[in-house]
Amino acid sequence: MNNKSIQLLTGMTCLALLVFSCHKILPAQPADDSILDGPIAGLSSMENARFLQGDIAFNDEVFTQQTGLGPLFVTNNCASCHAGDGKGHPFTTLTRFGQTDHTGNQFLNFGGPQLQNRALPGFTPEQVPAGATFSRFTPPAVTGLGFLSYVTDATILALADPNDADGDGISGVPNWISLPGYVHASPDAIVQNGKYIGRFGKKASVYDLLQQTVEAYNQDMGIASAYNPKDVYTGADIDPEVATQTVNNLVFYLQTLKAPVQRNTSDPTVQKGNALFNAIQCAACHKPEMKTGPAPIAALSGKVFFPYTDLLLHDMGSDLNDGYTEGQALTSEWRTPPLWGLGLSIGSQGGQYFLMHDGRATSIEAAILLHGGEAQNSRSQYQQLSAADKQALIAFLKSL
């Protein structure tokens, strides 16, 4: 064997060793069902590029005093409230105050609707004004929101039963809300007395992901945009502090985050829990399956998905009545939260569950036992299950 052959053989051996070593050293890519982040399937190359720009705006951009933060704020970065695109925890919980009924917020001149509990040096953080009722809202997971945004109003109204016509004790209703001037209703929107169906937020008081994003910039970080140029401290209109393209990219990111993927679907215990979930009427509000209508993003148009929500308000009883509301919702009414991704919530919440609208439930069972009002019957049926059946139901919920 000549020197050139020996050198070639040596090089090939080193390359093989390098590949083998990297395979052993580098961590494997996490399974798709083990993480919440990542884009939906079917995006074009241009859409994937825009998703990445939105990802940067959501996860990497940290606002400072020099780039417009505050002077009053809650946080300086989107991901600080939604780590890994998941739920928040008690340290990131928001406080809303000032509205007790459908007549509107009576404390807008006192900093409402959101408490900015942090401030730049030289400024004083807000406190809840005397006489104002308030509620604490744990930040939700942000995955799969694009699917929810393109469910048609007709689909949501078909699920509503305001007079409990079927006699099952459940009477979900939409929250009819007014739209800010920068939000444009979808072509298939259904209007009632000049109001539109809200679908995002704990009380379904937000119409779409543009409104959600613009208000988060403004109320969470004190950042003015062209859509909402108001300064949260002075109330005056100011120059935008974030580029409109950045806002739009972030909206696109939220629209195109994938839906959480269920795990362990072939596990007999999970399958048993699924059957129990339906048997005790949990699925009456937490609807397993929905379908999007037409969407400008092809990958979201006409898609069947599994969010476990009906996007409607339900009266949850006195234990969950904080005396605060938004839009036309009663103070005891809450939008059915999607259950998809529930099993992964613990990863973004510091290793422990903080469930319900304010994070007061530190286990799935504790959350179930807080269900009153329209969910009282399901709670009672859960309490009557055997220990094994309760474990199966919770195993199913953890698989979502």
Protein backbone atom coordinates (compact mmCIF):
# COMPACT_ATOMS: atom_id res chain seq x y z
CA MET A 1 0.00 0.00 0.00
CA ASN A 2 1.49 3.33 -1.04
CA ASN A 3 1.63 6.47 1.10
CA LYS A 4 -1.36 8.08 -0.66
CA SER A 5 -3.51 5.02 0.04
CA ILE A 6 -2.40 4.98 3.67
CA GLN A 7 -3.23 8.69 4.03
CA LEU A 8 -6.67 8.17 2.44
CA LEU A 9 -7.40 5.21 4.71
CA THR A 10 -6.27 7.16 7.77
CA GLY A 11 -8.46 10.13 6.79
CA MET A 12 -11.50 7.93 6.28
CA THR A 13 -10.93 6.25 9.64
CA CYS A 14 -10.66 9.61 11.41
CA LEU A 15 -13.83 10.84 9.70
CA ALA A 16 -15.70 7.72 10.76
CA LEU A 17 -14.46 8.11 14.32
CA LEU A 18 -15.48 11.78 14.30
CA VAL A 19 -19.01 10.99 13.07
CA PHE A 20 -19.35 8.19 15.62
CA SER A 21 -18.05 10.41 18.42
CA CYS A 22 -20.40 13.28 17.53
CA HIS A 23 -23.30 10.85 17.48
CA LYS A 24 -22.39 9.77 21.01
CA ILE A 25 -21.61 13.26 22.35
CA LEU A 26 -24.30 15.46 20.84
CA PRO A 27 -27.78 15.20 22.38
CA ALA A 28 -30.51 13.70 20.27
CA GLN A 29 -33.17 16.02 18.89
CA PRO A 30 -36.16 16.00 21.27
CA ALA A 31 -39.22 14.10 20.12
CA ASP A 32 -41.93 16.24 18.56
CA ASP A 33 -44.43 15.21 21.25
CA SER A 34 -42.09 16.21 24.09
CA ILE A 35 -41.85 19.94 23.31
CA LEU A 36 -44.34 22.70 22.60
CA ASP A 37 -42.34 24.91 20.26
CA GLY A 38 -41.84 24.49 16.54
CA PRO A 39 -43.74 25.48 13.39
CA ILE A 40 -46.81 23.78 11.95
CA ALA A 41 -46.22 21.42 9.04
CA GLY A 42 -46.72 22.63 5.50
CA LEU A 43 -45.24 26.13 5.65
CA SER A 44 -43.47 27.42 2.56
CA SER A 45 -39.82 28.42 2.70
CA MET A 46 -40.84 32.09 2.90
CA GLU A 47 -43.30 31.33 5.68
CA ASN A 48 -40.67 29.38 7.61
CA ALA A 49 -38.32 32.37 7.30
CA ARG A 50 -41.02 34.65 8.67
CA PHE A 51 -41.71 32.18 11.48
CA LEU A 52 -38.03 32.41 12.46
CA GLN A 53 -38.19 36.21 12.49
CA GLY A 54 -41.20 36.01 14.79
CA ASP A 55 -39.37 33.49 16.94
CA ILE A 56 -36.56 36.01 17.42
CA ALA A 57 -39.04 38.74 18.38
CA PHE A 58 -40.76 36.43 20.85
CA ASN A 59 -37.83 34.67 22.45
CA ASP A 60 -34.73 36.81 21.95
CA GLU A 61 -35.76 40.46 21.98
CA VAL A 62 -35.37 41.94 25.47
CA PHE A 63 -36.53 45.51 25.87
CA THR A 64 -34.59 48.06 27.92
CA GLN A 65 -35.16 51.66 28.89
CA GLN A 66 -33.20 52.68 25.80
CA THR A 67 -35.44 50.64 23.48
CA GLY A 68 -38.74 51.77 24.96
CA LEU A 69 -39.40 49.60 28.02
CA GLY A 70 -41.86 51.05 30.51
CA PRO A 71 -41.61 53.29 32.39
CA LEU A 72 -44.21 50.98 33.99
CA PHE A 73 -44.22 47.34 32.96
CA VAL A 74 -44.68 43.71 33.99
CA THR A 75 -41.88 42.11 32.02
CA ASN A 76 -39.33 42.98 29.33
CA ASN A 77 -39.55 39.93 27.08
CA CYS A 78 -42.34 37.71 25.71
CA ALA A 79 -40.63 34.42 26.57
CA SER A 80 -40.19 35.39 30.22
CA CYS A 81 -43.93 34.75 30.67
CA HIS A 82 -44.16 31.83 28.20
CA ALA A 83 -40.99 29.78 28.64
CA GLY A 84 -40.71 27.23 25.83
CA ASP A 85 -44.06 28.59 24.57
CA GLY A 86 -45.68 27.03 27.64
CA LYS A 87 -47.68 28.21 30.63
CA GLY A 88 -46.43 30.78 33.11
CA HIS A 89 -46.03 30.36 36.86
CA PRO A 90 -46.78 32.47 39.98
CA PHE A 91 -43.77 34.75 39.37
CA THR A 92 -45.17 35.77 35.96
CA THR A 93 -48.85 35.94 36.88
CA LEU A 94 -50.63 39.13 35.75
CA THR A 95 -53.17 41.16 37.70
CA ARG A 96 -56.20 42.67 35.97
CA PHE A 97 -58.56 45.05 37.77
CA GLY A 98 -61.43 47.46 37.44
CA GLN A 99 -64.48 45.79 35.85
CA THR A 100 -67.32 44.10 37.75
CA ASP A 101 -70.00 43.80 35.06
CA HIS A 102 -70.85 44.43 31.40
CA THR A 103 -70.81 48.23 31.81
CA GLY A 104 -67.04 48.34 31.35
CA ASN A 105 -63.89 49.10 33.30
CA GLN A 106 -64.38 51.87 35.85
CA PHE A 107 -60.67 52.25 36.62
CA LEU A 108 -59.12 53.04 33.23
CA ASN A 109 -57.99 56.40 34.61
CA PHE A 110 -56.21 54.60 37.46
CA GLY A 111 -54.05 52.28 35.36
CA GLY A 112 -56.63 49.65 34.44
CA PRO A 113 -57.12 47.12 33.10
CA GLN A 114 -53.69 45.68 33.92
CA LEU A 115 -51.45 46.28 36.89
CA GLN A 116 -47.90 47.25 35.94
CA ASN A 117 -46.12 46.07 39.07
CA ARG A 118 -42.59 47.03 37.99
CA ALA A 119 -41.07 50.37 37.07
CA LEU A 120 -37.89 51.94 35.79
CA PRO A 121 -35.75 53.83 38.34
CA GLY A 122 -37.44 57.05 39.35
CA PHE A 123 -40.96 55.76 38.72
CA THR A 124 -43.41 54.08 41.10
CA PRO A 125 -45.02 50.74 40.24
CA GLU A 126 -48.81 50.64 40.22
CA GLN A 127 -50.94 49.29 43.02
CA VAL A 128 -54.52 48.09 42.71
CA PRO A 129 -56.66 51.17 43.48
CA ALA A 130 -58.89 51.18 46.53
CA GLY A 131 -62.31 49.77 45.71
CA ALA A 132 -61.24 47.91 42.57
CA THR A 133 -61.91 44.22 42.23
CA PHE A 134 -59.15 42.24 40.58
CA SER A 135 -58.16 38.83 39.31
CA ARG A 136 -54.81 37.15 38.75
CA PHE A 137 -54.15 35.55 35.37
CA THR A 138 -51.44 32.95 34.83
CA PRO A 139 -49.96 33.32 31.31
CA PRO A 140 -51.23 30.53 29.04
CA ALA A 141 -49.29 28.34 26.64
CA VAL A 142 -49.17 29.92 23.19
CA THR A 143 -48.97 26.82 20.98
CA GLY A 144 -51.69 25.93 18.49
CA LEU A 145 -53.27 29.38 18.62
CA GLY A 146 -53.44 29.71 14.85
CA PHE A 147 -55.85 26.78 14.67
CA LEU A 148 -58.13 28.38 17.25
CA SER A 149 -58.02 31.73 15.44
CA TYR A 150 -59.50 30.23 12.26
CA VAL A 151 -62.40 28.33 13.80
CA THR A 152 -65.44 30.03 12.28
CA ASP A 153 -67.92 32.02 14.34
CA ALA A 154 -70.65 29.71 13.05
CA THR A 155 -68.83 26.72 14.55
CA ILE A 156 -68.51 28.43 17.93
CA LEU A 157 -72.17 29.48 17.95
CA ALA A 158 -73.24 25.94 17.05
CA LEU A 159 -71.60 24.77 20.30
CA ALA A 160 -73.34 27.41 22.41
CA ASP A 161 -76.43 26.51 24.44
CA PRO A 162 -77.36 29.68 26.34
CA ASN A 163 -80.70 28.32 27.58
CA ASP A 164 -79.51 24.75 28.23
CA ALA A 165 -81.93 23.44 25.63
CA ASP A 166 -80.53 19.90 25.92
CA GLY A 167 -80.95 19.86 29.71
CA ASP A 168 -77.42 18.73 30.53
CA GLY A 169 -76.79 21.63 32.92
CA ILE A 170 -74.20 23.19 30.59
CA SER A 171 -74.97 26.47 28.84
CA GLY A 172 -71.87 27.85 27.18
CA VAL A 173 -72.06 31.30 25.60
CA PRO A 174 -69.67 33.46 23.58
CA ASN A 175 -68.25 36.70 24.93
CA TRP A 176 -69.46 39.43 22.59
CA ILE A 177 -66.83 42.18 22.51
CA SER A 178 -66.07 45.48 20.80
CA LEU A 179 -63.06 45.58 18.48
CA PRO A 180 -60.25 48.13 18.70
CA GLY A 181 -59.89 50.24 15.57
CA TYR A 182 -56.80 48.43 14.29
CA VAL A 183 -58.46 44.99 14.30
CA HIS A 184 -60.40 43.94 11.21
CA ALA A 185 -63.08 41.28 11.54
CA SER A 186 -62.77 38.10 9.49
CA PRO A 187 -64.96 37.79 6.35
CA ASP A 188 -67.17 35.15 8.02
CA ALA A 189 -67.60 37.10 11.28
CA ILE A 190 -71.04 37.07 12.88
CA VAL A 191 -72.02 40.40 14.46
CA GLN A 192 -74.49 40.95 17.29
CA ASN A 193 -75.39 44.52 18.24
CA GLY A 194 -72.11 45.74 16.83
CA LYS A 195 -70.08 43.23 18.83
CA TYR A 196 -67.95 40.25 17.79
CA ILE A 197 -67.10 36.87 19.27
CA GLY A 198 -63.94 36.87 21.37
CA ARG A 199 -61.90 33.69 21.56
CA PHE A 200 -58.59 34.44 23.30
CA GLY A 201 -57.82 35.28 26.92
CA LYS A 202 -59.15 33.86 30.16
CA LYS A 203 -62.51 35.54 29.55
CA ALA A 204 -62.49 35.29 25.73
CA SER A 205 -62.19 39.08 25.66
CA VAL A 206 -59.65 39.20 22.82
CA TYR A 207 -60.68 38.86 19.19
CA ASP A 208 -57.52 37.78 17.39
CA LEU A 209 -53.78 37.31 17.74
CA LEU A 210 -52.99 40.81 16.47
CA GLN A 211 -55.00 42.29 19.34
CA GLN A 212 -53.40 39.84 21.76
CA THR A 213 -49.90 40.79 20.60
CA VAL A 214 -50.43 44.55 20.47
CA GLU A 215 -51.97 44.62 23.96
CA ALA A 216 -49.19 42.42 25.36
CA TYR A 217 -46.57 44.82 24.02
CA ASN A 218 -48.45 47.77 25.50
CA GLN A 219 -49.78 46.43 28.81
CA ASP A 220 -47.03 43.92 29.66
CA MET A 221 -43.97 45.86 28.52
CA GLY A 222 -45.10 49.45 28.13
CA ILE A 223 -44.16 49.31 24.45
CA ALA A 224 -46.11 51.54 22.05
CA SER A 225 -46.73 50.36 18.48
CA ALA A 226 -48.31 51.92 15.42
CA TYR A 227 -51.40 49.88 16.23
CA ASN A 228 -51.61 51.21 19.80
CA PRO A 229 -49.31 54.22 20.24
CA LYS A 230 -50.48 54.98 23.78
CA ASP A 231 -47.98 55.40 26.61
CA VAL A 232 -49.21 53.41 29.63
CA TYR A 233 -47.76 55.95 32.07
CA THR A 234 -48.99 59.26 30.67
CA GLY A 235 -51.87 58.05 28.54
CA ALA A 236 -50.57 60.19 25.67
CA ASP A 237 -49.92 59.00 22.13
CA ILE A 238 -46.20 58.59 21.41
CA ASP A 239 -44.02 57.40 18.53
CA PRO A 240 -43.96 53.61 18.01
CA GLU A 241 -41.26 51.84 20.03
CA VAL A 242 -41.42 48.58 18.08
CA ALA A 243 -41.44 48.21 14.31
CA THR A 244 -44.76 47.27 12.73
CA GLN A 245 -43.03 44.50 10.79
CA THR A 246 -41.75 43.05 14.07
CA VAL A 247 -45.27 43.06 15.50
CA ASN A 248 -46.61 41.35 12.38
CA ASN A 249 -43.82 38.76 12.43
CA LEU A 250 -44.62 37.95 16.04
CA VAL A 251 -48.30 37.55 15.16
CA PHE A 252 -47.31 35.18 12.36
CA TYR A 253 -45.15 33.22 14.79
CA LEU A 254 -48.11 32.76 17.14
CA GLN A 255 -50.35 31.80 14.24
CA THR A 256 -47.97 29.13 13.00
CA LEU A 257 -46.74 27.48 16.20
CA LYS A 258 -47.62 23.80 16.00
CA ALA A 259 -50.40 22.22 18.01
CA PRO A 260 -49.27 20.10 20.98
CA VAL A 261 -48.94 16.42 20.10
CA GLN A 262 -50.65 13.83 22.32
CA ARG A 263 -48.48 11.09 23.78
CA ASN A 264 -49.00 7.45 24.82
CA THR A 265 -52.19 7.08 22.82
CA SER A 266 -51.89 3.27 22.69
CA ASP A 267 -51.48 2.94 26.47
CA PRO A 268 -54.53 1.06 27.85
CA THR A 269 -54.63 3.28 30.93
CA VAL A 270 -54.68 6.42 28.78
CA GLN A 271 -57.41 4.92 26.60
CA LYS A 272 -59.46 4.07 29.69
CA GLY A 273 -58.99 7.62 30.96
CA ASN A 274 -60.18 8.98 27.61
CA ALA A 275 -63.39 6.95 27.91
CA LEU A 276 -63.92 8.21 31.47
CA PHE A 277 -63.31 11.80 30.33
CA ASN A 278 -66.27 11.44 28.01
CA ALA A 279 -68.40 9.42 30.43
CA ILE A 280 -68.37 12.06 33.17
CA GLN A 281 -69.13 14.86 30.67
CA CYS A 282 -65.77 16.63 30.70
CA ALA A 283 -65.95 16.64 26.90
CA ALA A 284 -69.19 18.64 27.03
CA CYS A 285 -67.05 21.78 27.46
CA HIS A 286 -63.57 20.51 26.62
CA LYS A 287 -64.54 19.50 23.07
CA PRO A 288 -61.84 17.14 21.77
CA GLU A 289 -62.11 18.00 18.07
CA MET A 290 -62.55 21.18 16.03
CA LYS A 291 -61.91 22.21 12.44
CA THR A 292 -60.62 25.45 10.97
CA GLY A 293 -62.44 27.31 8.25
CA PRO A 294 -60.76 29.13 5.37
CA ALA A 295 -57.43 30.70 6.35
CA PRO A 296 -54.97 32.95 4.51
CA ILE A 297 -52.19 30.60 5.66
CA ALA A 298 -52.73 27.44 3.59
CA ALA A 299 -51.29 25.14 6.29
CA LEU A 300 -54.10 26.27 8.64
CA SER A 301 -57.03 26.08 6.22
CA GLY A 302 -59.65 23.35 6.67
CA LYS A 303 -57.62 21.46 9.29
CA VAL A 304 -59.01 19.10 11.94
CA PHE A 305 -57.29 19.53 15.31
CA PHE A 306 -57.75 18.45 18.92
CA PRO A 307 -57.69 21.35 21.42
CA TYR A 308 -60.19 20.18 24.09
CA THR A 309 -62.10 23.48 24.26
CA ASP A 310 -65.31 24.99 22.93
CA LEU A 311 -64.02 28.59 23.14
CA LEU A 312 -67.17 29.48 25.11
CA LEU A 313 -67.76 31.04 28.51
CA HIS A 314 -69.12 28.85 31.30
CA ASP A 315 -70.25 29.76 34.80
CA MET A 316 -67.76 27.97 37.03
CA GLY A 317 -69.37 28.73 40.38
CA SER A 318 -68.58 30.78 43.44
CA ASP A 319 -65.13 29.29 44.14
CA LEU A 320 -63.83 30.80 40.87
CA ASN A 321 -65.70 34.11 41.14
CA ASP A 322 -63.08 36.85 41.64
CA GLY A 323 -65.51 39.72 41.27
CA TYR A 324 -63.66 40.88 38.14
CA THR A 325 -64.57 40.41 34.51
CA GLU A 326 -63.89 41.51 30.93
CA GLY A 327 -66.30 42.25 28.11
CA GLN A 328 -69.80 40.91 28.75
CA ALA A 329 -68.69 37.88 30.75
CA LEU A 330 -70.03 37.41 34.26
CA THR A 331 -67.46 37.48 37.04
CA SER A 332 -67.89 33.71 37.52
CA GLU A 333 -67.67 32.93 33.79
CA TRP A 334 -64.46 31.68 32.20
CA ARG A 335 -63.57 30.56 28.70
CA THR A 336 -62.97 26.81 28.52
CA PRO A 337 -59.16 26.59 28.42
CA PRO A 338 -57.70 24.23 25.81
CA LEU A 339 -56.28 21.13 27.48
CA TRP A 340 -53.82 20.23 24.74
CA GLY A 341 -50.27 20.52 26.07
CA LEU A 342 -51.44 20.04 29.67
CA GLY A 343 -49.04 17.19 30.29
CA LEU A 344 -46.09 19.34 29.21
CA SER A 345 -47.11 22.36 31.31
CA ILE A 346 -45.07 21.22 34.26
CA GLY A 347 -41.91 21.71 32.17
CA SER A 348 -42.46 25.46 31.79
CA GLN A 349 -43.85 25.91 35.30
CA GLY A 350 -40.71 24.99 37.21
CA GLY A 351 -41.50 21.33 37.84
CA GLN A 352 -44.92 21.84 39.43
CA TYR A 353 -48.41 22.49 38.10
CA PHE A 354 -50.07 25.87 38.58
CA LEU A 355 -53.50 25.45 36.99
CA MET A 356 -56.82 27.28 36.67
CA HIS A 357 -56.95 30.92 35.62
CA ASP A 358 -54.79 32.11 38.53
CA GLY A 359 -52.55 29.08 39.11
CA ARG A 360 -54.13 28.25 42.47
CA ALA A 361 -54.40 24.51 41.68
CA THR A 362 -51.07 22.74 42.11
CA SER A 363 -52.21 19.41 40.69
CA ILE A 364 -54.61 18.21 38.00
CA GLU A 365 -56.90 16.72 40.64
CA ALA A 366 -56.95 20.01 42.56
CA ALA A 367 -58.01 21.74 39.34
CA ILE A 368 -60.82 19.25 38.79
CA LEU A 369 -62.08 19.77 42.34
CA LEU A 370 -62.32 23.54 41.79
CA HIS A 371 -64.85 23.02 39.00
CA GLY A 372 -68.25 24.24 40.15
CA GLY A 373 -71.26 25.82 38.51
CA GLU A 374 -71.89 24.16 35.16
CA ALA A 375 -69.07 21.70 35.88
CA GLN A 376 -70.40 20.63 39.29
CA ASN A 377 -71.89 17.42 37.92
CA SER A 378 -68.62 16.36 36.29
CA ARG A 379 -66.73 17.12 39.51
CA SER A 380 -69.19 15.02 41.53
CA GLN A 381 -68.86 12.12 39.10
CA TYR A 382 -65.09 12.36 39.31
CA GLN A 383 -65.24 12.19 43.10
CA GLN A 384 -67.27 8.99 42.86
CA LEU A 385 -64.70 7.22 40.67
CA SER A 386 -62.49 4.52 42.11
CA ALA A 387 -58.86 5.38 42.83
CA ALA A 388 -57.78 3.40 39.75
CA ASP A 389 -60.27 5.23 37.52
CA LYS A 390 -59.12 8.61 38.84
CA GLN A 391 -55.53 7.66 38.04
CA ALA A 392 -56.55 6.62 34.52
CA LEU A 393 -58.38 9.90 33.91
CA ILE A 394 -55.39 11.92 35.08
CA ALA A 395 -53.05 9.76 32.99
CA PHE A 396 -55.16 10.65 29.96
CA LEU A 397 -55.02 14.36 30.79
CA LYS A 398 -51.24 14.15 31.21
CA SER A 399 -51.01 12.56 27.76
CA LEU A 400 -52.51 15.64 26.08
